[in-house]
Amino acid sequence: MEQFSEFEGRIKDALDRISVSIEKSENVREDSTGIDHDARNTISELIAANKQLEDQLQKAKDSQEAYEILELRTQLDQLERDRQEETKEMQRLYDQLALALNNGDATVGEDA
């Protein structure tokens, strides 16, 4: 989980830097009408890289959520198995108690 948070932080930092660069480039474009072809290509590349990083971040979040859901399902299954075992044990003890009360001479805890 810590690695995911670190990865998410790094991606957000990169996205912020890209956004700032794009904004500066757009401001330069507004200020000067003669922006050259290389600068336009750089802006396009930055926008594409920004989109790619956003997609990667979303996929990482989705993957983390899927992992957490799977982990919770596993825990829920184990709890259900534990509950079933406890129910069986309670029924066994109840049966022993009923038998002891009916017989009057048996003690609870002996195998019926």
PDB file of N, CA and C in Angstrom:
ATOM      1  N   MET A   1       0.826  -1.179   0.000  1.00  0.00           N
ATOM      2  CA  MET A   1       0.000   0.000   0.000  1.00  0.00           C
ATOM      3  C   MET A   1       0.871   1.244   0.000  1.00  0.00           C
ATOM      4  N   GLU A   2       1.977   1.206   0.752  1.00  0.00           N
ATOM      5  CA  GLU A   2       2.876   2.355   0.810  1.00  0.00           C
ATOM      6  C   GLU A   2       3.489   2.616  -0.558  1.00  0.00           C
ATOM      7  N   GLN A   3       3.837   1.545  -1.283  1.00  0.00           N
ATOM      8  CA  GLN A   3       4.416   1.709  -2.612  1.00  0.00           C
ATOM      9  C   GLN A   3       3.407   2.355  -3.544  1.00  0.00           C
ATOM     10  N   PHE A   4       2.146   1.959  -3.415  1.00  0.00           N
ATOM     11  CA  PHE A   4       1.108   2.541  -4.250  1.00  0.00           C
ATOM     12  C   PHE A   4       0.979   4.030  -3.959  1.00  0.00           C
ATOM     13  N   SER A   5       0.994   4.411  -2.695  1.00  0.00           N
ATOM     14  CA  SER A   5       0.885   5.823  -2.318  1.00  0.00           C
ATOM     15  C   SER A   5       2.077   6.613  -2.844  1.00  0.00           C
ATOM     16  N   GLU A   6       3.268   6.023  -2.744  1.00  0.00           N
ATOM     17  CA  GLU A   6       4.467   6.687  -3.247  1.00  0.00           C
ATOM     18  C   GLU A   6       4.372   6.866  -4.759  1.00  0.00           C
ATOM     19  N   PHE A   7       3.933   5.814  -5.459  1.00  0.00           N
ATOM     20  CA  PHE A   7       3.775   5.863  -6.906  1.00  0.00           C
ATOM     21  C   PHE A   7       2.743   6.928  -7.285  1.00  0.00           C
ATOM     22  N   GLU A   8       1.643   6.961  -6.544  1.00  0.00           N
ATOM     23  CA  GLU A   8       0.598   7.939  -6.812  1.00  0.00           C
ATOM     24  C   GLU A   8       1.132   9.357  -6.612  1.00  0.00           C
ATOM     25  N   GLY A   9       1.912   9.575  -5.558  1.00  0.00           N
ATOM     26  CA  GLY A   9       2.495  10.888  -5.307  1.00  0.00           C
ATOM     27  C   GLY A   9       3.433  11.322  -6.414  1.00  0.00           C
ATOM     28  N   ARG A  10       4.255  10.386  -6.880  1.00  0.00           N
ATOM     29  CA  ARG A  10       5.191  10.706  -7.961  1.00  0.00           C
ATOM     30  C   ARG A  10       4.444  11.065  -9.238  1.00  0.00           C
ATOM     31  N   ILE A  11       3.391  10.320  -9.536  1.00  0.00           N
ATOM     32  CA  ILE A  11       2.615  10.605 -10.743  1.00  0.00           C
ATOM     33  C   ILE A  11       1.938  11.968 -10.620  1.00  0.00           C
ATOM     34  N   LYS A  12       1.378  12.262  -9.449  1.00  0.00           N
ATOM     35  CA  LYS A  12       0.728  13.564  -9.265  1.00  0.00           C
ATOM     36  C   LYS A  12       1.727  14.701  -9.417  1.00  0.00           C
ATOM     37  N   ASP A  13       2.934  14.531  -8.871  1.00  0.00           N
ATOM     38  CA  ASP A  13       3.969  15.553  -9.030  1.00  0.00           C
ATOM     39  C   ASP A  13       4.296  15.763 -10.504  1.00  0.00           C
ATOM     40  N   ALA A  14       4.447  14.655 -11.226  1.00  0.00           N
ATOM     41  CA  ALA A  14       4.757  14.746 -12.654  1.00  0.00           C
ATOM     42  C   ALA A  14       3.616  15.426 -13.405  1.00  0.00           C
ATOM     43  N   LEU A  15       2.383  15.076 -13.054  1.00  0.00           N
ATOM     44  CA  LEU A  15       1.234  15.701 -13.714  1.00  0.00           C
ATOM     45  C   LEU A  15       1.188  17.199 -13.430  1.00  0.00           C
ATOM     46  N   ASP A  16       1.493  17.576 -12.212  1.00  0.00           N
ATOM     47  CA  ASP A  16       1.515  18.998 -11.868  1.00  0.00           C
ATOM     48  C   ASP A  16       2.568  19.742 -12.681  1.00  0.00           C
ATOM     49  N   ARG A  17       3.756  19.148 -12.781  1.00  0.00           N
ATOM     50  CA  ARG A  17       4.823  19.795 -13.550  1.00  0.00           C
ATOM     51  C   ARG A  17       4.442  19.909 -15.022  1.00  0.00           C
ATOM     52  N   ILE A  18       3.821  18.863 -15.543  1.00  0.00           N
ATOM     53  CA  ILE A  18       3.398  18.894 -16.950  1.00  0.00           C
ATOM     54  C   ILE A  18       2.337  19.969 -17.151  1.00  0.00           C
ATOM     55  N   SER A  19       1.383  20.034 -16.225  1.00  0.00           N
ATOM     56  CA  SER A  19       0.325  21.049 -16.333  1.00  0.00           C
ATOM     57  C   SER A  19       0.903  22.456 -16.315  1.00  0.00           C
ATOM     58  N   VAL A  20       1.861  22.699 -15.424  1.00  0.00           N
ATOM     59  CA  VAL A  20       2.504  24.013 -15.356  1.00  0.00           C
ATOM     60  C   VAL A  20       3.213  24.311 -16.675  1.00  0.00           C
ATOM     61  N   SER A  21       3.917  23.326 -17.215  1.00  0.00           N
ATOM     62  CA  SER A  21       4.619  23.526 -18.491  1.00  0.00           C
ATOM     63  C   SER A  21       3.638  23.827 -19.611  1.00  0.00           C
ATOM     64  N   ILE A  22       2.529  23.108 -19.613  1.00  0.00           N
ATOM     65  CA  ILE A  22       1.523  23.335 -20.652  1.00  0.00           C
ATOM     66  C   ILE A  22       0.942  24.739 -20.527  1.00  0.00           C
ATOM     67  N   GLU A  23       0.617  25.132 -19.296  1.00  0.00           N
ATOM     68  CA  GLU A  23       0.066  26.471 -19.087  1.00  0.00           C
ATOM     69  C   GLU A  23       1.047  27.544 -19.539  1.00  0.00           C
ATOM     70  N   LYS A  24       2.317  27.373 -19.183  1.00  0.00           N
ATOM     71  CA  LYS A  24       3.327  28.346 -19.604  1.00  0.00           C
ATOM     72  C   LYS A  24       3.428  28.384 -21.121  1.00  0.00           C
ATOM     73  N   SER A  25       3.400  27.205 -21.743  1.00  0.00           N
ATOM     74  CA  SER A  25       3.488  27.145 -23.200  1.00  0.00           C
ATOM     75  C   SER A  25       2.284  27.810 -23.844  1.00  0.00           C
ATOM     76  N   GLU A  26       1.107  27.595 -23.274  1.00  0.00           N
ATOM     77  CA  GLU A  26      -0.095  28.220 -23.829  1.00  0.00           C
ATOM     78  C   GLU A  26      -0.050  29.736 -23.647  1.00  0.00           C
ATOM     79  N   ASN A  27       0.482  30.190 -22.502  1.00  0.00           N
ATOM     80  CA  ASN A  27       0.616  31.629 -22.279  1.00  0.00           C
ATOM     81  C   ASN A  27       1.581  32.244 -23.282  1.00  0.00           C
ATOM     82  N   VAL A  28       2.676  31.537 -23.544  1.00  0.00           N
ATOM     83  CA  VAL A  28       3.641  32.021 -24.529  1.00  0.00           C
ATOM     84  C   VAL A  28       2.974  32.090 -25.895  1.00  0.00           C
ATOM     85  N   ARG A  29       2.156  31.095 -26.207  1.00  0.00           N
ATOM     86  CA  ARG A  29       1.478  31.061 -27.501  1.00  0.00           C
ATOM     87  C   ARG A  29       0.527  32.253 -27.612  1.00  0.00           C
ATOM     88  N   GLU A  30      -0.172  32.559 -26.524  1.00  0.00           N
ATOM     89  CA  GLU A  30      -1.084  33.697 -26.547  1.00  0.00           C
ATOM     90  C   GLU A  30      -0.323  35.011 -26.703  1.00  0.00           C
ATOM     91  N   ASP A  31       0.851  35.085 -26.082  1.00  0.00           N
ATOM     92  CA  ASP A  31       1.643  36.317 -26.129  1.00  0.00           C
ATOM     93  C   ASP A  31       2.318  36.525 -27.481  1.00  0.00           C
ATOM     94  N   SER A  32       2.710  35.462 -28.114  1.00  0.00           N
ATOM     95  CA  SER A  32       3.398  35.614 -29.402  1.00  0.00           C
ATOM     96  C   SER A  32       2.693  34.773 -30.451  1.00  0.00           C
ATOM     97  N   THR A  33       2.470  35.378 -31.573  1.00  0.00           N
ATOM     98  CA  THR A  33       1.760  34.684 -32.643  1.00  0.00           C
ATOM     99  C   THR A  33       2.686  33.797 -33.453  1.00  0.00           C
ATOM    100  N   GLY A  34       3.969  33.936 -33.279  1.00  0.00           N
ATOM    101  CA  GLY A  34       4.922  33.193 -34.096  1.00  0.00           C
ATOM    102  C   GLY A  34       5.527  31.991 -33.386  1.00  0.00           C
ATOM    103  N   ILE A  35       4.714  31.236 -32.637  1.00  0.00           N
ATOM    104  CA  ILE A  35       5.257  30.052 -31.949  1.00  0.00           C
ATOM    105  C   ILE A  35       5.712  29.041 -33.003  1.00  0.00           C
ATOM    106  N   ASP A  36       6.864  28.477 -32.794  1.00  0.00           N
ATOM    107  CA  ASP A  36       7.426  27.604 -33.824  1.00  0.00           C
ATOM    108  C   ASP A  36       6.864  26.181 -33.732  1.00  0.00           C
ATOM    109  N   HIS A  37       7.135  25.442 -34.756  1.00  0.00           N
ATOM    110  CA  HIS A  37       6.624  24.080 -34.908  1.00  0.00           C
ATOM    111  C   HIS A  37       7.128  23.159 -33.795  1.00  0.00           C
ATOM    112  N   ASP A  38       8.378  23.287 -33.387  1.00  0.00           N
ATOM    113  CA  ASP A  38       8.930  22.438 -32.325  1.00  0.00           C
ATOM    114  C   ASP A  38       8.200  22.645 -31.001  1.00  0.00           C
ATOM    115  N   ALA A  39       7.872  23.881 -30.707  1.00  0.00           N
ATOM    116  CA  ALA A  39       7.158  24.168 -29.459  1.00  0.00           C
ATOM    117  C   ALA A  39       5.770  23.538 -29.487  1.00  0.00           C
ATOM    118  N   ARG A  40       5.103  23.597 -30.622  1.00  0.00           N
ATOM    119  CA  ARG A  40       3.789  22.966 -30.748  1.00  0.00           C
ATOM    120  C   ARG A  40       3.894  21.459 -30.567  1.00  0.00           C
ATOM    121  N   ASN A  41       4.933  20.880 -31.135  1.00  0.00           N
ATOM    122  CA  ASN A  41       5.140  19.437 -30.964  1.00  0.00           C
ATOM    123  C   ASN A  41       5.396  19.089 -29.497  1.00  0.00           C
ATOM    124  N   THR A  42       6.182  19.924 -28.839  1.00  0.00           N
ATOM    125  CA  THR A  42       6.470  19.692 -27.421  1.00  0.00           C
ATOM    126  C   THR A  42       5.191  19.761 -26.598  1.00  0.00           C
ATOM    127  N   ILE A  43       4.361  20.734 -26.888  1.00  0.00           N
ATOM    128  CA  ILE A  43       3.087  20.858 -26.173  1.00  0.00           C
ATOM    129  C   ILE A  43       2.231  19.621 -26.415  1.00  0.00           C
ATOM    130  N   SER A  44       2.160  19.184 -27.654  1.00  0.00           N
ATOM    131  CA  SER A  44       1.377  17.987 -27.973  1.00  0.00           C
ATOM    132  C   SER A  44       1.915  16.766 -27.237  1.00  0.00           C
ATOM    133  N   GLU A  45       3.233  16.644 -27.195  1.00  0.00           N
ATOM    134  CA  GLU A  45       3.848  15.522 -26.485  1.00  0.00           C
ATOM    135  C   GLU A  45       3.548  15.585 -24.989  1.00  0.00           C
ATOM    136  N   LEU A  46       3.615  16.786 -24.424  1.00  0.00           N
ATOM    137  CA  LEU A  46       3.320  16.947 -22.996  1.00  0.00           C
ATOM    138  C   LEU A  46       1.862  16.607 -22.691  1.00  0.00           C
ATOM    139  N   ILE A  47       0.976  17.031 -23.548  1.00  0.00           N
ATOM    140  CA  ILE A  47      -0.438  16.710 -23.353  1.00  0.00           C
ATOM    141  C   ILE A  47      -0.651  15.204 -23.436  1.00  0.00           C
ATOM    142  N   ALA A  48      -0.011  14.557 -24.413  1.00  0.00           N
ATOM    143  CA  ALA A  48      -0.135  13.105 -24.549  1.00  0.00           C
ATOM    144  C   ALA A  48       0.464  12.387 -23.339  1.00  0.00           C
ATOM    145  N   ALA A  49       1.622  12.869 -22.870  1.00  0.00           N
ATOM    146  CA  ALA A  49       2.253  12.260 -21.693  1.00  0.00           C
ATOM    147  C   ALA A  49       1.380  12.453 -20.458  1.00  0.00           C
ATOM    148  N   ASN A  50       0.780  13.622 -20.339  1.00  0.00           N
ATOM    149  CA  ASN A  50      -0.123  13.898 -19.227  1.00  0.00           C
ATOM    150  C   ASN A  50      -1.296  12.921 -19.243  1.00  0.00           C
ATOM    151  N   LYS A  51      -1.896  12.733 -20.397  1.00  0.00           N
ATOM    152  CA  LYS A  51      -3.030  11.807 -20.535  1.00  0.00           C
ATOM    153  C   LYS A  51      -2.596  10.383 -20.193  1.00  0.00           C
ATOM    154  N   GLN A  52      -1.429   9.989 -20.668  1.00  0.00           N
ATOM    155  CA  GLN A  52      -0.923   8.642 -20.402  1.00  0.00           C
ATOM    156  C   GLN A  52      -0.697   8.435 -18.900  1.00  0.00           C
ATOM    157  N   LEU A  53      -0.124   9.411 -18.232  1.00  0.00           N
ATOM    158  CA  LEU A  53       0.100   9.305 -16.787  1.00  0.00           C
ATOM    159  C   LEU A  53      -1.221   9.246 -16.021  1.00  0.00           C
ATOM    160  N   GLU A  54      -2.196  10.025 -16.460  1.00  0.00           N
ATOM    161  CA  GLU A  54      -3.514   9.970 -15.816  1.00  0.00           C
ATOM    162  C   GLU A  54      -4.132   8.582 -15.980  1.00  0.00           C
ATOM    163  N   ASP A  55      -4.003   8.009 -17.184  1.00  0.00           N
ATOM    164  CA  ASP A  55      -4.525   6.661 -17.427  1.00  0.00           C
ATOM    165  C   ASP A  55      -3.817   5.630 -16.556  1.00  0.00           C
ATOM    166  N   GLN A  56      -2.492   5.742 -16.448  1.00  0.00           N
ATOM    167  CA  GLN A  56      -1.734   4.807 -15.615  1.00  0.00           C
ATOM    168  C   GLN A  56      -2.138   4.921 -14.150  1.00  0.00           C
ATOM    169  N   LEU A  57      -2.343   6.136 -13.700  1.00  0.00           N
ATOM    170  CA  LEU A  57      -2.763   6.349 -12.312  1.00  0.00           C
ATOM    171  C   LEU A  57      -4.131   5.722 -12.068  1.00  0.00           C
ATOM    172  N   GLN A  58      -5.051   5.904 -13.003  1.00  0.00           N
ATOM    173  CA  GLN A  58      -6.387   5.325 -12.852  1.00  0.00           C
ATOM    174  C   GLN A  58      -6.320   3.802 -12.846  1.00  0.00           C
ATOM    175  N   LYS A  59      -5.491   3.232 -13.722  1.00  0.00           N
ATOM    176  CA  LYS A  59      -5.340   1.770 -13.752  1.00  0.00           C
ATOM    177  C   LYS A  59      -4.747   1.259 -12.439  1.00  0.00           C
ATOM    178  N   ALA A  60      -3.782   1.991 -11.905  1.00  0.00           N
ATOM    179  CA  ALA A  60      -3.177   1.587 -10.632  1.00  0.00           C
ATOM    180  C   ALA A  60      -4.209   1.645  -9.508  1.00  0.00           C
ATOM    181  N   LYS A  61      -5.032   2.684  -9.507  1.00  0.00           N
ATOM    182  CA  LYS A  61      -6.087   2.791  -8.495  1.00  0.00           C
ATOM    183  C   LYS A  61      -7.083   1.645  -8.638  1.00  0.00           C
ATOM    184  N   ASP A  62      -7.487   1.356  -9.883  1.00  0.00           N
ATOM    185  CA  ASP A  62      -8.434   0.266 -10.124  1.00  0.00           C
ATOM    186  C   ASP A  62      -7.856  -1.063  -9.673  1.00  0.00           C
ATOM    187  N   SER A  63      -6.571  -1.271  -9.971  1.00  0.00           N
ATOM    188  CA  SER A  63      -5.904  -2.509  -9.573  1.00  0.00           C
ATOM    189  C   SER A  63      -5.860  -2.631  -8.055  1.00  0.00           C
ATOM    190  N   GLN A  64      -5.543  -1.536  -7.383  1.00  0.00           N
ATOM    191  CA  GLN A  64      -5.489  -1.539  -5.917  1.00  0.00           C
ATOM    192  C   GLN A  64      -6.864  -1.829  -5.333  1.00  0.00           C
ATOM    193  N   GLU A  65      -7.906  -1.226  -5.903  1.00  0.00           N
ATOM    194  CA  GLU A  65      -9.264  -1.460  -5.417  1.00  0.00           C
ATOM    195  C   GLU A  65      -9.660  -2.917  -5.618  1.00  0.00           C
ATOM    196  N   ALA A  66      -9.313  -3.483  -6.776  1.00  0.00           N
ATOM    197  CA  ALA A  66      -9.642  -4.885  -7.042  1.00  0.00           C
ATOM    198  C   ALA A  66      -8.937  -5.796  -6.045  1.00  0.00           C
ATOM    199  N   TYR A  67      -7.683  -5.490  -5.744  1.00  0.00           N
ATOM    200  CA  TYR A  67      -6.932  -6.286  -4.769  1.00  0.00           C
ATOM    201  C   TYR A  67      -7.582  -6.203  -3.393  1.00  0.00           C
ATOM    202  N   GLU A  68      -7.978  -4.999  -2.993  1.00  0.00           N
ATOM    203  CA  GLU A  68      -8.602  -4.825  -1.683  1.00  0.00           C
ATOM    204  C   GLU A  68      -9.937  -5.555  -1.606  1.00  0.00           C
ATOM    205  N   ILE A  69     -10.712  -5.528  -2.685  1.00  0.00           N
ATOM    206  CA  ILE A  69     -11.984  -6.250  -2.714  1.00  0.00           C
ATOM    207  C   ILE A  69     -11.741  -7.742  -2.595  1.00  0.00           C
ATOM    208  N   LEU A  70     -10.758  -8.252  -3.319  1.00  0.00           N
ATOM    209  CA  LEU A  70     -10.432  -9.675  -3.237  1.00  0.00           C
ATOM    210  C   LEU A  70     -10.014 -10.052  -1.819  1.00  0.00           C
ATOM    211  N   GLU A  71      -9.215  -9.212  -1.194  1.00  0.00           N
ATOM    212  CA  GLU A  71      -8.766  -9.472   0.177  1.00  0.00           C
ATOM    213  C   GLU A  71      -9.954  -9.488   1.144  1.00  0.00           C
ATOM    214  N   LEU A  72     -10.875  -8.555   0.970  1.00  0.00           N
ATOM    215  CA  LEU A  72     -12.062  -8.511   1.829  1.00  0.00           C
ATOM    216  C   LEU A  72     -12.953  -9.729   1.611  1.00  0.00           C
ATOM    217  N   ARG A  73     -13.079 -10.178   0.372  1.00  0.00           N
ATOM    218  CA  ARG A  73     -13.871 -11.384   0.093  1.00  0.00           C
ATOM    219  C   ARG A  73     -13.256 -12.601   0.763  1.00  0.00           C
ATOM    220  N   THR A  74     -11.935 -12.692   0.714  1.00  0.00           N
ATOM    221  CA  THR A  74     -11.235 -13.807   1.358  1.00  0.00           C
ATOM    222  C   THR A  74     -11.488 -13.785   2.860  1.00  0.00           C
ATOM    223  N   GLN A  75     -11.402 -12.623   3.458  1.00  0.00           N
ATOM    224  CA  GLN A  75     -11.659 -12.504   4.896  1.00  0.00           C
ATOM    225  C   GLN A  75     -13.104 -12.864   5.225  1.00  0.00           C
ATOM    226  N   LEU A  76     -14.030 -12.427   4.388  1.00  0.00           N
ATOM    227  CA  LEU A  76     -15.439 -12.733   4.604  1.00  0.00           C
ATOM    228  C   LEU A  76     -15.694 -14.231   4.511  1.00  0.00           C
ATOM    229  N   ASP A  77     -15.080 -14.886   3.528  1.00  0.00           N
ATOM    230  CA  ASP A  77     -15.213 -16.341   3.397  1.00  0.00           C
ATOM    231  C   ASP A  77     -14.691 -17.051   4.633  1.00  0.00           C
ATOM    232  N   GLN A  78     -13.556 -16.598   5.155  1.00  0.00           N
ATOM    233  CA  GLN A  78     -12.989 -17.219   6.353  1.00  0.00           C
ATOM    234  C   GLN A  78     -13.908 -17.014   7.551  1.00  0.00           C
ATOM    235  N   LEU A  79     -14.449 -15.826   7.683  1.00  0.00           N
ATOM    236  CA  LEU A  79     -15.380 -15.562   8.784  1.00  0.00           C
ATOM    237  C   LEU A  79     -16.623 -16.445   8.685  1.00  0.00           C
ATOM    238  N   GLU A  80     -17.107 -16.655   7.479  1.00  0.00           N
ATOM    239  CA  GLU A  80     -18.268 -17.529   7.278  1.00  0.00           C
ATOM    240  C   GLU A  80     -17.938 -18.964   7.669  1.00  0.00           C
ATOM    241  N   ARG A  81     -16.755 -19.439   7.289  1.00  0.00           N
ATOM    242  CA  ARG A  81     -16.349 -20.802   7.677  1.00  0.00           C
ATOM    243  C   ARG A  81     -16.233 -20.906   9.196  1.00  0.00           C
ATOM    244  N   ASP A  82     -15.634 -19.896   9.812  1.00  0.00           N
ATOM    245  CA  ASP A  82     -15.510 -19.890  11.276  1.00  0.00           C
ATOM    246  C   ASP A  82     -16.879 -19.922  11.941  1.00  0.00           C
ATOM    247  N   ARG A  83     -17.802 -19.137  11.412  1.00  0.00           N
ATOM    248  CA  ARG A  83     -19.151 -19.094  11.977  1.00  0.00           C
ATOM    249  C   ARG A  83     -19.837 -20.449  11.845  1.00  0.00           C
ATOM    250  N   GLN A  84     -19.662 -21.118  10.721  1.00  0.00           N
ATOM    251  CA  GLN A  84     -20.261 -22.441  10.535  1.00  0.00           C
ATOM    252  C   GLN A  84     -19.675 -23.449  11.519  1.00  0.00           C
ATOM    253  N   GLU A  85     -18.368 -23.388  11.728  1.00  0.00           N
ATOM    254  CA  GLU A  85     -17.736 -24.289  12.695  1.00  0.00           C
ATOM    255  C   GLU A  85     -18.257 -24.019  14.103  1.00  0.00           C
ATOM    256  N   GLU A  86     -18.393 -22.755  14.453  1.00  0.00           N
ATOM    257  CA  GLU A  86     -18.910 -22.408  15.777  1.00  0.00           C
ATOM    258  C   GLU A  86     -20.353 -22.874  15.938  1.00  0.00           C
ATOM    259  N   THR A  87     -21.140 -22.760  14.878  1.00  0.00           N
ATOM    260  CA  THR A  87     -22.530 -23.223  14.926  1.00  0.00           C
ATOM    261  C   THR A  87     -22.583 -24.725  15.156  1.00  0.00           C
ATOM    262  N   LYS A  88     -21.732 -25.468  14.459  1.00  0.00           N
ATOM    263  CA  LYS A  88     -21.687 -26.922  14.653  1.00  0.00           C
ATOM    264  C   LYS A  88     -21.283 -27.264  16.079  1.00  0.00           C
ATOM    265  N   GLU A  89     -20.292 -26.558  16.614  1.00  0.00           N
ATOM    266  CA  GLU A  89     -19.835 -26.810  17.978  1.00  0.00           C
ATOM    267  C   GLU A  89     -20.939 -26.489  18.982  1.00  0.00           C
ATOM    268  N   MET A  90     -21.636 -25.382  18.780  1.00  0.00           N
ATOM    269  CA  MET A  90     -22.743 -25.031  19.673  1.00  0.00           C
ATOM    270  C   MET A  90     -23.843 -26.083  19.617  1.00  0.00           C
ATOM    271  N   GLN A  91     -24.135 -26.594  18.436  1.00  0.00           N
ATOM    272  CA  GLN A  91     -25.164 -27.633  18.305  1.00  0.00           C
ATOM    273  C   GLN A  91     -24.725 -28.903  19.023  1.00  0.00           C
ATOM    274  N   ARG A  92     -23.447 -29.258  18.890  1.00  0.00           N
ATOM    275  CA  ARG A  92     -22.934 -30.453  19.560  1.00  0.00           C
ATOM    276  C   ARG A  92     -23.058 -30.303  21.073  1.00  0.00           C
ATOM    277  N   LEU A  93     -22.675 -29.142  21.589  1.00  0.00           N
ATOM    278  CA  LEU A  93     -22.771 -28.902  23.029  1.00  0.00           C
ATOM    279  C   LEU A  93     -24.228 -28.886  23.494  1.00  0.00           C
ATOM    280  N   TYR A  94     -25.093 -28.309  22.690  1.00  0.00           N
ATOM    281  CA  TYR A  94     -26.512 -28.296  23.033  1.00  0.00           C
ATOM    282  C   TYR A  94     -27.056 -29.718  23.090  1.00  0.00           C
ATOM    283  N   ASP A  95     -26.677 -30.540  22.117  1.00  0.00           N
ATOM    284  CA  ASP A  95     -27.122 -31.938  22.105  1.00  0.00           C
ATOM    285  C   ASP A  95     -26.623 -32.671  23.341  1.00  0.00           C
ATOM    286  N   GLN A  96     -25.378 -32.424  23.729  1.00  0.00           N
ATOM    287  CA  GLN A  96     -24.832 -33.059  24.937  1.00  0.00           C
ATOM    288  C   GLN A  96     -25.591 -32.607  26.180  1.00  0.00           C
ATOM    289  N   LEU A  97     -25.891 -31.324  26.251  1.00  0.00           N
ATOM    290  CA  LEU A  97     -26.631 -30.796  27.397  1.00  0.00           C
ATOM    291  C   LEU A  97     -28.024 -31.404  27.462  1.00  0.00           C
ATOM    292  N   ALA A  98     -28.689 -31.484  26.327  1.00  0.00           N
ATOM    293  CA  ALA A  98     -30.028 -32.070  26.292  1.00  0.00           C
ATOM    294  C   ALA A  98     -29.983 -33.524  26.727  1.00  0.00           C
ATOM    295  N   LEU A  99     -28.987 -34.263  26.268  1.00  0.00           N
ATOM    296  CA  LEU A  99     -28.845 -35.666  26.645  1.00  0.00           C
ATOM    297  C   LEU A  99     -28.580 -35.783  28.139  1.00  0.00           C
ATOM    298  N   ALA A 100     -27.721 -34.919  28.673  1.00  0.00           N
ATOM    299  CA  ALA A 100     -27.408 -34.954  30.105  1.00  0.00           C
ATOM    300  C   ALA A 100     -28.645 -34.633  30.937  1.00  0.00           C
ATOM    301  N   LEU A 101     -29.406 -33.674  30.496  1.00  0.00           N
ATOM    302  CA  LEU A 101     -30.620 -33.320  31.237  1.00  0.00           C
ATOM    303  C   LEU A 101     -31.657 -34.435  31.172  1.00  0.00           C
ATOM    304  N   ASN A 102     -31.734 -35.108  30.039  1.00  0.00           N
ATOM    305  CA  ASN A 102     -32.684 -36.215  29.890  1.00  0.00           C
ATOM    306  C   ASN A 102     -32.263 -37.428  30.699  1.00  0.00           C
ATOM    307  N   ASN A 103     -30.973 -37.714  30.727  1.00  0.00           N
ATOM    308  CA  ASN A 103     -30.484 -38.894  31.440  1.00  0.00           C
ATOM    309  C   ASN A 103     -30.299 -38.615  32.925  1.00  0.00           C
ATOM    310  N   GLY A 104     -29.995 -37.410  33.259  1.00  0.00           N
ATOM    311  CA  GLY A 104     -29.825 -37.049  34.648  1.00  0.00           C
ATOM    312  C   GLY A 104     -28.527 -37.514  35.258  1.00  0.00           C
ATOM    313  N   ASP A 105     -27.819 -38.444  34.645  1.00  0.00           N
ATOM    314  CA  ASP A 105     -26.581 -38.946  35.231  1.00  0.00           C
ATOM    315  C   ASP A 105     -25.355 -38.641  34.380  1.00  0.00           C
ATOM    316  N   ALA A 106     -25.523 -38.213  33.156  1.00  0.00           N
ATOM    317  CA  ALA A 106     -24.385 -37.902  32.283  1.00  0.00           C
ATOM    318  C   ALA A 106     -23.870 -36.508  32.619  1.00  0.00           C
ATOM    319  N   THR A 107     -22.584 -36.291  32.381  1.00  0.00           N
ATOM    320  CA  THR A 107     -22.000 -34.980  32.637  1.00  0.00           C
ATOM    321  C   THR A 107     -21.713 -34.296  31.312  1.00  0.00           C
ATOM    322  N   VAL A 108     -21.831 -33.006  31.320  1.00  0.00           N
ATOM    323  CA  VAL A 108     -21.561 -32.225  30.116  1.00  0.00           C
ATOM    324  C   VAL A 108     -20.074 -32.314  29.825  1.00  0.00           C
ATOM    325  N   GLY A 109     -19.737 -32.484  28.542  1.00  0.00           N
ATOM    326  CA  GLY A 109     -18.335 -32.589  28.158  1.00  0.00           C
ATOM    327  C   GLY A 109     -17.968 -33.998  27.746  1.00  0.00           C
ATOM    328  N   GLU A 110     -18.738 -34.983  28.159  1.00  0.00           N
ATOM    329  CA  GLU A 110     -18.484 -36.350  27.708  1.00  0.00           C
ATOM    330  C   GLU A 110     -19.019 -36.471  26.298  1.00  0.00           C
ATOM    331  N   ASP A 111     -18.370 -37.289  25.500  1.00  0.00           N
ATOM    332  CA  ASP A 111     -18.845 -37.491  24.138  1.00  0.00           C
ATOM    333  C   ASP A 111     -20.140 -38.260  24.177  1.00  0.00           C
ATOM    334  N   ALA A 112     -21.121 -37.780  23.479  1.00  0.00           N
ATOM    335  CA  ALA A 112     -22.426 -38.434  23.459  1.00  0.00           C
ATOM    336  C   ALA A 112     -22.433 -39.526  22.420  1.00  0.00           C
TER     337      ALA A 112
END
